[in-house]
PDB file of N, CA and C in Angstrom:
ATOM      1  N   UNK A   1     130.439  89.530 100.771  1.00  0.00           N
ATOM      2  CA  UNK A   1     129.466  90.326 100.010  1.00  0.00           C
ATOM      3  C   UNK A   1     129.836  91.811 100.239  1.00  0.00           C
ATOM      4  N   UNK A   2     129.964  92.518  99.148  1.00  0.00           N
ATOM      5  CA  UNK A   2     130.337  93.964  99.286  1.00  0.00           C
ATOM      6  C   UNK A   2     129.100  94.722  99.767  1.00  0.00           C
ATOM      7  N   UNK A   3     129.347  95.730 100.632  1.00  0.00           N
ATOM      8  CA  UNK A   3     128.288  96.557 101.161  1.00  0.00           C
ATOM      9  C   UNK A   3     127.812  97.549 100.105  1.00  0.00           C
ATOM     10  N   UNK A   4     126.535  97.394  99.747  1.00  0.00           N
ATOM     11  CA  UNK A   4     125.961  98.382  98.826  1.00  0.00           C
ATOM     12  C   UNK A   4     125.252  99.475  99.582  1.00  0.00           C
ATOM     13  N   UNK A   5     124.713  99.109 100.703  1.00  0.00           N
ATOM     14  CA  UNK A   5     123.963 100.065 101.570  1.00  0.00           C
ATOM     15  C   UNK A   5     124.862 100.320 102.812  1.00  0.00           C
ATOM     16  N   UNK A   6     125.048 101.531 103.127  1.00  0.00           N
ATOM     17  CA  UNK A   6     125.873 101.910 104.260  1.00  0.00           C
ATOM     18  C   UNK A   6     125.072 102.771 105.257  1.00  0.00           C
ATOM     19  N   UNK A   7     125.441 102.831 106.494  1.00  0.00           N
ATOM     20  CA  UNK A   7     124.672 103.579 107.497  1.00  0.00           C
ATOM     21  C   UNK A   7     124.659 105.111 107.268  1.00  0.00           C
ATOM     22  N   UNK A   8     125.592 105.580 106.530  1.00  0.00           N
ATOM     23  CA  UNK A   8     125.624 107.001 106.260  1.00  0.00           C
ATOM     24  C   UNK A   8     124.899 107.464 105.009  1.00  0.00           C
ATOM     25  N   UNK A   9     124.269 106.528 104.346  1.00  0.00           N
ATOM     26  CA  UNK A   9     123.440 106.841 103.132  1.00  0.00           C
ATOM     27  C   UNK A   9     122.184 107.505 103.547  1.00  0.00           C
ATOM     28  N   UNK A  10     121.780 108.529 102.791  1.00  0.00           N
ATOM     29  CA  UNK A  10     120.452 109.166 103.034  1.00  0.00           C
ATOM     30  C   UNK A  10     119.373 108.132 102.732  1.00  0.00           C
ATOM     31  N   UNK A  11     118.361 108.090 103.480  1.00  0.00           N
ATOM     32  CA  UNK A  11     117.281 107.094 103.299  1.00  0.00           C
ATOM     33  C   UNK A  11     116.693 107.133 101.942  1.00  0.00           C
ATOM     34  N   UNK A  12     116.443 108.371 101.481  1.00  0.00           N
ATOM     35  CA  UNK A  12     115.852 108.514 100.115  1.00  0.00           C
ATOM     36  C   UNK A  12     116.801 107.901  98.985  1.00  0.00           C
ATOM     37  N   UNK A  13     118.089 108.052  99.227  1.00  0.00           N
ATOM     38  CA  UNK A  13     119.057 107.472  98.259  1.00  0.00           C
ATOM     39  C   UNK A  13     118.958 105.970  98.305  1.00  0.00           C
ATOM     40  N   UNK A  14     118.829 105.345  99.434  1.00  0.00           N
ATOM     41  CA  UNK A  14     118.606 103.883  99.527  1.00  0.00           C
ATOM     42  C   UNK A  14     117.363 103.504  98.768  1.00  0.00           C
ATOM     43  N   UNK A  15     116.245 104.175  99.004  1.00  0.00           N
ATOM     44  CA  UNK A  15     114.982 103.926  98.405  1.00  0.00           C
ATOM     45  C   UNK A  15     115.051 104.148  96.899  1.00  0.00           C
ATOM     46  N   UNK A  16     115.733 105.174  96.444  1.00  0.00           N
ATOM     47  CA  UNK A  16     115.863 105.422  94.989  1.00  0.00           C
ATOM     48  C   UNK A  16     116.629 104.374  94.292  1.00  0.00           C
ATOM     49  N   UNK A  17     117.803 103.976  94.887  1.00  0.00           N
ATOM     50  CA  UNK A  17     118.641 102.958  94.273  1.00  0.00           C
ATOM     51  C   UNK A  17     118.070 101.550  94.356  1.00  0.00           C
ATOM     52  N   UNK A  18     117.414 101.304  95.483  1.00  0.00           N
ATOM     53  CA  UNK A  18     116.906  99.943  95.747  1.00  0.00           C
ATOM     54  C   UNK A  18     115.436 100.011  96.207  1.00  0.00           C
ATOM     55  N   UNK A  19     114.517 100.280  95.326  1.00  0.00           N
ATOM     56  CA  UNK A  19     113.127 100.528  95.670  1.00  0.00           C
ATOM     57  C   UNK A  19     112.502  99.454  96.569  1.00  0.00           C
ATOM     58  N   UNK A  20     112.805  98.244  96.307  1.00  0.00           N
ATOM     59  CA  UNK A  20     112.156  97.160  97.070  1.00  0.00           C
ATOM     60  C   UNK A  20     112.696  97.102  98.526  1.00  0.00           C
ATOM     61  N   UNK A  21     113.698  97.871  98.817  1.00  0.00           N
ATOM     62  CA  UNK A  21     114.189  97.958 100.253  1.00  0.00           C
ATOM     63  C   UNK A  21     113.146  98.602 101.211  1.00  0.00           C
ATOM     64  N   UNK A  22     112.227  99.343 100.586  1.00  0.00           N
ATOM     65  CA  UNK A  22     111.244 100.006 101.368  1.00  0.00           C
ATOM     66  C   UNK A  22     110.429  99.032 102.246  1.00  0.00           C
ATOM     67  N   UNK A  23     110.197  97.780 101.687  1.00  0.00           N
ATOM     68  CA  UNK A  23     109.436  96.795 102.401  1.00  0.00           C
ATOM     69  C   UNK A  23     110.208  96.432 103.643  1.00  0.00           C
ATOM     70  N   UNK A  24     111.551  96.317 103.591  1.00  0.00           N
ATOM     71  CA  UNK A  24     112.392  95.938 104.682  1.00  0.00           C
ATOM     72  C   UNK A  24     112.274  96.982 105.793  1.00  0.00           C
ATOM     73  N   UNK A  25     112.327  98.216 105.411  1.00  0.00           N
ATOM     74  CA  UNK A  25     112.241  99.315 106.355  1.00  0.00           C
ATOM     75  C   UNK A  25     110.876  99.284 107.010  1.00  0.00           C
ATOM     76  N   UNK A  26     109.806  99.145 106.300  1.00  0.00           N
ATOM     77  CA  UNK A  26     108.415  99.107 106.780  1.00  0.00           C
ATOM     78  C   UNK A  26     108.240  97.920 107.729  1.00  0.00           C
ATOM     79  N   UNK A  27     108.841  96.796 107.402  1.00  0.00           N
ATOM     80  CA  UNK A  27     108.756  95.603 108.280  1.00  0.00           C
ATOM     81  C   UNK A  27     109.338  95.879 109.661  1.00  0.00           C
ATOM     82  N   UNK A  28     110.261  96.825 109.743  1.00  0.00           N
ATOM     83  CA  UNK A  28     110.939  97.093 110.995  1.00  0.00           C
ATOM     84  C   UNK A  28     110.344  98.385 111.689  1.00  0.00           C
ATOM     85  N   UNK A  29     109.204  98.810 111.181  1.00  0.00           N
ATOM     86  CA  UNK A  29     108.533 100.014 111.824  1.00  0.00           C
ATOM     87  C   UNK A  29     109.082 101.323 111.380  1.00  0.00           C
ATOM     88  N   UNK A  30     109.938 101.289 110.345  1.00  0.00           N
ATOM     89  CA  UNK A  30     110.481 102.506 109.796  1.00  0.00           C
ATOM     90  C   UNK A  30     109.641 102.977 108.616  1.00  0.00           C
ATOM     91  N   UNK A  31     108.756 103.938 108.902  1.00  0.00           N
ATOM     92  CA  UNK A  31     107.863 104.420 107.834  1.00  0.00           C
ATOM     93  C   UNK A  31     108.527 105.528 107.002  1.00  0.00           C
ATOM     94  N   UNK A  32     109.760 105.381 106.853  1.00  0.00           N
ATOM     95  CA  UNK A  32     110.607 106.295 106.147  1.00  0.00           C
ATOM     96  C   UNK A  32     110.237 106.437 104.660  1.00  0.00           C
ATOM     97  N   UNK A  33     109.627 105.428 104.150  1.00  0.00           N
ATOM     98  CA  UNK A  33     109.154 105.351 102.756  1.00  0.00           C
ATOM     99  C   UNK A  33     108.311 106.602 102.413  1.00  0.00           C
ATOM    100  N   UNK A  34     107.465 107.041 103.272  1.00  0.00           N
ATOM    101  CA  UNK A  34     106.608 108.158 103.002  1.00  0.00           C
ATOM    102  C   UNK A  34     106.865 109.398 103.853  1.00  0.00           C
ATOM    103  N   UNK A  35     108.046 109.415 104.475  1.00  0.00           N
ATOM    104  CA  UNK A  35     108.371 110.497 105.404  1.00  0.00           C
ATOM    105  C   UNK A  35     109.266 111.549 104.694  1.00  0.00           C
ATOM    106  N   UNK A  36     109.008 112.798 104.993  1.00  0.00           N
ATOM    107  CA  UNK A  36     109.831 113.879 104.394  1.00  0.00           C
ATOM    108  C   UNK A  36     111.267 113.887 104.926  1.00  0.00           C
ATOM    109  N   UNK A  37     111.414 113.359 106.119  1.00  0.00           N
ATOM    110  CA  UNK A  37     112.725 113.254 106.742  1.00  0.00           C
ATOM    111  C   UNK A  37     113.655 112.358 105.967  1.00  0.00           C
ATOM    112  N   UNK A  38     113.113 111.455 105.139  1.00  0.00           N
ATOM    113  CA  UNK A  38     113.868 110.532 104.344  1.00  0.00           C
ATOM    114  C   UNK A  38     114.791 111.261 103.365  1.00  0.00           C
ATOM    115  N   UNK A  39     114.474 112.511 102.993  1.00  0.00           N
ATOM    116  CA  UNK A  39     115.309 113.195 102.019  1.00  0.00           C
ATOM    117  C   UNK A  39     116.560 113.816 102.627  1.00  0.00           C
ATOM    118  N   UNK A  40     116.571 113.844 104.016  1.00  0.00           N
ATOM    119  CA  UNK A  40     117.764 114.453 104.656  1.00  0.00           C
ATOM    120  C   UNK A  40     118.397 113.603 105.737  1.00  0.00           C
ATOM    121  N   UNK A  41     117.666 112.604 106.198  1.00  0.00           N
ATOM    122  CA  UNK A  41     118.147 111.775 107.299  1.00  0.00           C
ATOM    123  C   UNK A  41     118.921 110.523 106.793  1.00  0.00           C
ATOM    124  N   UNK A  42     119.896 110.152 107.531  1.00  0.00           N
ATOM    125  CA  UNK A  42     120.690 108.934 107.158  1.00  0.00           C
ATOM    126  C   UNK A  42     119.956 107.745 107.630  1.00  0.00           C
ATOM    127  N   UNK A  43     120.366 106.610 107.055  1.00  0.00           N
ATOM    128  CA  UNK A  43     119.824 105.319 107.482  1.00  0.00           C
ATOM    129  C   UNK A  43     120.117 105.065 108.974  1.00  0.00           C
ATOM    130  N   UNK A  44     121.260 105.442 109.420  1.00  0.00           N
ATOM    131  CA  UNK A  44     121.647 105.286 110.874  1.00  0.00           C
ATOM    132  C   UNK A  44     120.724 106.116 111.700  1.00  0.00           C
ATOM    133  N   UNK A  45     120.468 107.343 111.318  1.00  0.00           N
ATOM    134  CA  UNK A  45     119.646 108.234 112.171  1.00  0.00           C
ATOM    135  C   UNK A  45     118.215 107.672 112.186  1.00  0.00           C
ATOM    136  N   UNK A  46     117.701 107.199 111.020  1.00  0.00           N
ATOM    137  CA  UNK A  46     116.306 106.661 111.004  1.00  0.00           C
ATOM    138  C   UNK A  46     116.242 105.351 111.897  1.00  0.00           C
ATOM    139  N   UNK A  47     117.265 104.568 111.796  1.00  0.00           N
ATOM    140  CA  UNK A  47     117.247 103.329 112.638  1.00  0.00           C
ATOM    141  C   UNK A  47     117.230 103.643 114.090  1.00  0.00           C
ATOM    142  N   UNK A  48     118.119 104.620 114.410  1.00  0.00           N
ATOM    143  CA  UNK A  48     118.189 105.018 115.873  1.00  0.00           C
ATOM    144  C   UNK A  48     116.888 105.599 116.388  1.00  0.00           C
ATOM    145  N   UNK A  49     116.230 106.394 115.551  1.00  0.00           N
ATOM    146  CA  UNK A  49     114.968 107.022 116.023  1.00  0.00           C
ATOM    147  C   UNK A  49     113.803 106.043 116.107  1.00  0.00           C
ATOM    148  N   UNK A  50     113.981 104.848 115.484  1.00  0.00           N
ATOM    149  CA  UNK A  50     112.949 103.819 115.577  1.00  0.00           C
ATOM    150  C   UNK A  50     113.411 102.572 116.318  1.00  0.00           C
ATOM    151  N   UNK A  51     114.522 102.717 117.086  1.00  0.00           N
ATOM    152  CA  UNK A  51     115.035 101.641 117.851  1.00  0.00           C
ATOM    153  C   UNK A  51     115.275 100.388 117.049  1.00  0.00           C
ATOM    154  N   UNK A  52     115.883 100.603 115.909  1.00  0.00           N
ATOM    155  CA  UNK A  52     116.279  99.458 115.045  1.00  0.00           C
ATOM    156  C   UNK A  52     117.760  99.274 115.100  1.00  0.00           C
ATOM    157  N   UNK A  53     118.233  98.024 115.239  1.00  0.00           N
ATOM    158  CA  UNK A  53     119.689  97.769 115.255  1.00  0.00           C
ATOM    159  C   UNK A  53     120.234  98.000 113.867  1.00  0.00           C
ATOM    160  N   UNK A  54     121.075  98.977 113.758  1.00  0.00           N
ATOM    161  CA  UNK A  54     121.608  99.416 112.375  1.00  0.00           C
ATOM    162  C   UNK A  54     122.430  98.309 111.725  1.00  0.00           C
ATOM    163  N   UNK A  55     123.221  97.568 112.529  1.00  0.00           N
ATOM    164  CA  UNK A  55     124.018  96.505 111.954  1.00  0.00           C
ATOM    165  C   UNK A  55     123.193  95.321 111.415  1.00  0.00           C
ATOM    166  N   UNK A  56     122.081  94.978 112.089  1.00  0.00           N
ATOM    167  CA  UNK A  56     121.186  93.967 111.607  1.00  0.00           C
ATOM    168  C   UNK A  56     120.480  94.467 110.413  1.00  0.00           C
ATOM    169  N   UNK A  57     120.036  95.705 110.395  1.00  0.00           N
ATOM    170  CA  UNK A  57     119.394  96.279 109.234  1.00  0.00           C
ATOM    171  C   UNK A  57     120.223  96.288 108.048  1.00  0.00           C
ATOM    172  N   UNK A  58     121.491  96.689 108.184  1.00  0.00           N
ATOM    173  CA  UNK A  58     122.444  96.706 107.065  1.00  0.00           C
ATOM    174  C   UNK A  58     122.683  95.314 106.513  1.00  0.00           C
ATOM    175  N   UNK A  59     122.760  94.319 107.433  1.00  0.00           N
ATOM    176  CA  UNK A  59     122.984  92.979 107.002  1.00  0.00           C
ATOM    177  C   UNK A  59     121.778  92.490 106.093  1.00  0.00           C
ATOM    178  N   UNK A  60     120.606  92.783 106.559  1.00  0.00           N
ATOM    179  CA  UNK A  60     119.375  92.373 105.804  1.00  0.00           C
ATOM    180  C   UNK A  60     119.310  93.077 104.473  1.00  0.00           C
ATOM    181  N   UNK A  61     119.510  94.432 104.549  1.00  0.00           N
ATOM    182  CA  UNK A  61     119.423  95.251 103.324  1.00  0.00           C
ATOM    183  C   UNK A  61     120.421  94.763 102.279  1.00  0.00           C
ATOM    184  N   UNK A  62     121.700  94.580 102.752  1.00  0.00           N
ATOM    185  CA  UNK A  62     122.718  94.172 101.755  1.00  0.00           C
ATOM    186  C   UNK A  62     122.501  92.760 101.251  1.00  0.00           C
ATOM    187  N   UNK A  63     121.950  91.813 102.011  1.00  0.00           N
ATOM    188  CA  UNK A  63     121.654  90.540 101.529  1.00  0.00           C
ATOM    189  C   UNK A  63     120.537  90.638 100.492  1.00  0.00           C
ATOM    190  N   UNK A  64     119.580  91.463 100.764  1.00  0.00           N
ATOM    191  CA  UNK A  64     118.427  91.700  99.832  1.00  0.00           C
ATOM    192  C   UNK A  64     119.010  92.299  98.492  1.00  0.00           C
ATOM    193  N   UNK A  65     119.836  93.312  98.636  1.00  0.00           N
ATOM    194  CA  UNK A  65     120.404  93.932  97.414  1.00  0.00           C
ATOM    195  C   UNK A  65     121.204  92.931  96.608  1.00  0.00           C
ATOM    196  N   UNK A  66     122.009  92.104  97.264  1.00  0.00           N
ATOM    197  CA  UNK A  66     122.796  91.064  96.573  1.00  0.00           C
ATOM    198  C   UNK A  66     121.878  90.087  95.884  1.00  0.00           C
ATOM    199  N   UNK A  67     120.821  89.688  96.457  1.00  0.00           N
ATOM    200  CA  UNK A  67     119.896  88.758  95.838  1.00  0.00           C
ATOM    201  C   UNK A  67     119.087  89.342  94.710  1.00  0.00           C
ATOM    202  N   UNK A  68     118.900  90.648  94.725  1.00  0.00           N
ATOM    203  CA  UNK A  68     118.071  91.323  93.737  1.00  0.00           C
ATOM    204  C   UNK A  68     118.816  92.280  92.881  1.00  0.00           C
ATOM    205  N   UNK A  69     120.080  92.106  92.749  1.00  0.00           N
ATOM    206  CA  UNK A  69     120.955  93.124  92.039  1.00  0.00           C
ATOM    207  C   UNK A  69     120.599  93.295  90.612  1.00  0.00           C
ATOM    208  N   UNK A  70     120.028  92.356  89.953  1.00  0.00           N
ATOM    209  CA  UNK A  70     119.700  92.550  88.534  1.00  0.00           C
ATOM    210  C   UNK A  70     118.362  93.288  88.329  1.00  0.00           C
ATOM    211  N   UNK A  71     117.559  93.406  89.450  1.00  0.00           N
ATOM    212  CA  UNK A  71     116.317  94.065  89.354  1.00  0.00           C
ATOM    213  C   UNK A  71     116.330  95.496  89.723  1.00  0.00           C
ATOM    214  N   UNK A  72     117.376  95.967  90.375  1.00  0.00           N
ATOM    215  CA  UNK A  72     117.398  97.297  90.907  1.00  0.00           C
ATOM    216  C   UNK A  72     118.588  98.120  90.355  1.00  0.00           C
ATOM    217  N   UNK A  73     118.577  99.337  90.587  1.00  0.00           N
ATOM    218  CA  UNK A  73     119.613 100.246  90.050  1.00  0.00           C
ATOM    219  C   UNK A  73     120.770 100.337  91.010  1.00  0.00           C
ATOM    220  N   UNK A  74     121.813  99.586  90.747  1.00  0.00           N
ATOM    221  CA  UNK A  74     123.002  99.605  91.606  1.00  0.00           C
ATOM    222  C   UNK A  74     124.098 100.326  90.891  1.00  0.00           C
ATOM    223  N   UNK A  75     124.020 101.718  90.965  1.00  0.00           N
ATOM    224  CA  UNK A  75     124.980 102.554  90.300  1.00  0.00           C
ATOM    225  C   UNK A  75     125.833 103.302  91.350  1.00  0.00           C
ATOM    226  N   UNK A  76     127.043 103.656  91.015  1.00  0.00           N
ATOM    227  CA  UNK A  76     127.911 104.389  91.966  1.00  0.00           C
ATOM    228  C   UNK A  76     127.393 105.803  92.195  1.00  0.00           C
TER     229      UNK A  76
END
């Protein structure tokens, strides 16, 4: 499965491209969905600040994106 979401992506970029990924972040205690830091912080930085394993998070996010690719905006 190709990686659509990477650790160096800005959180807001992930949420803009894959809106339903917000539920995954919230499930892990990452309230980035409504946080102003989301516009400048990377997914890796957010995961680190919330003690979330970035590799596991990326695996879950990318599986979600792959399953829902027709419903969301997957543009370069």
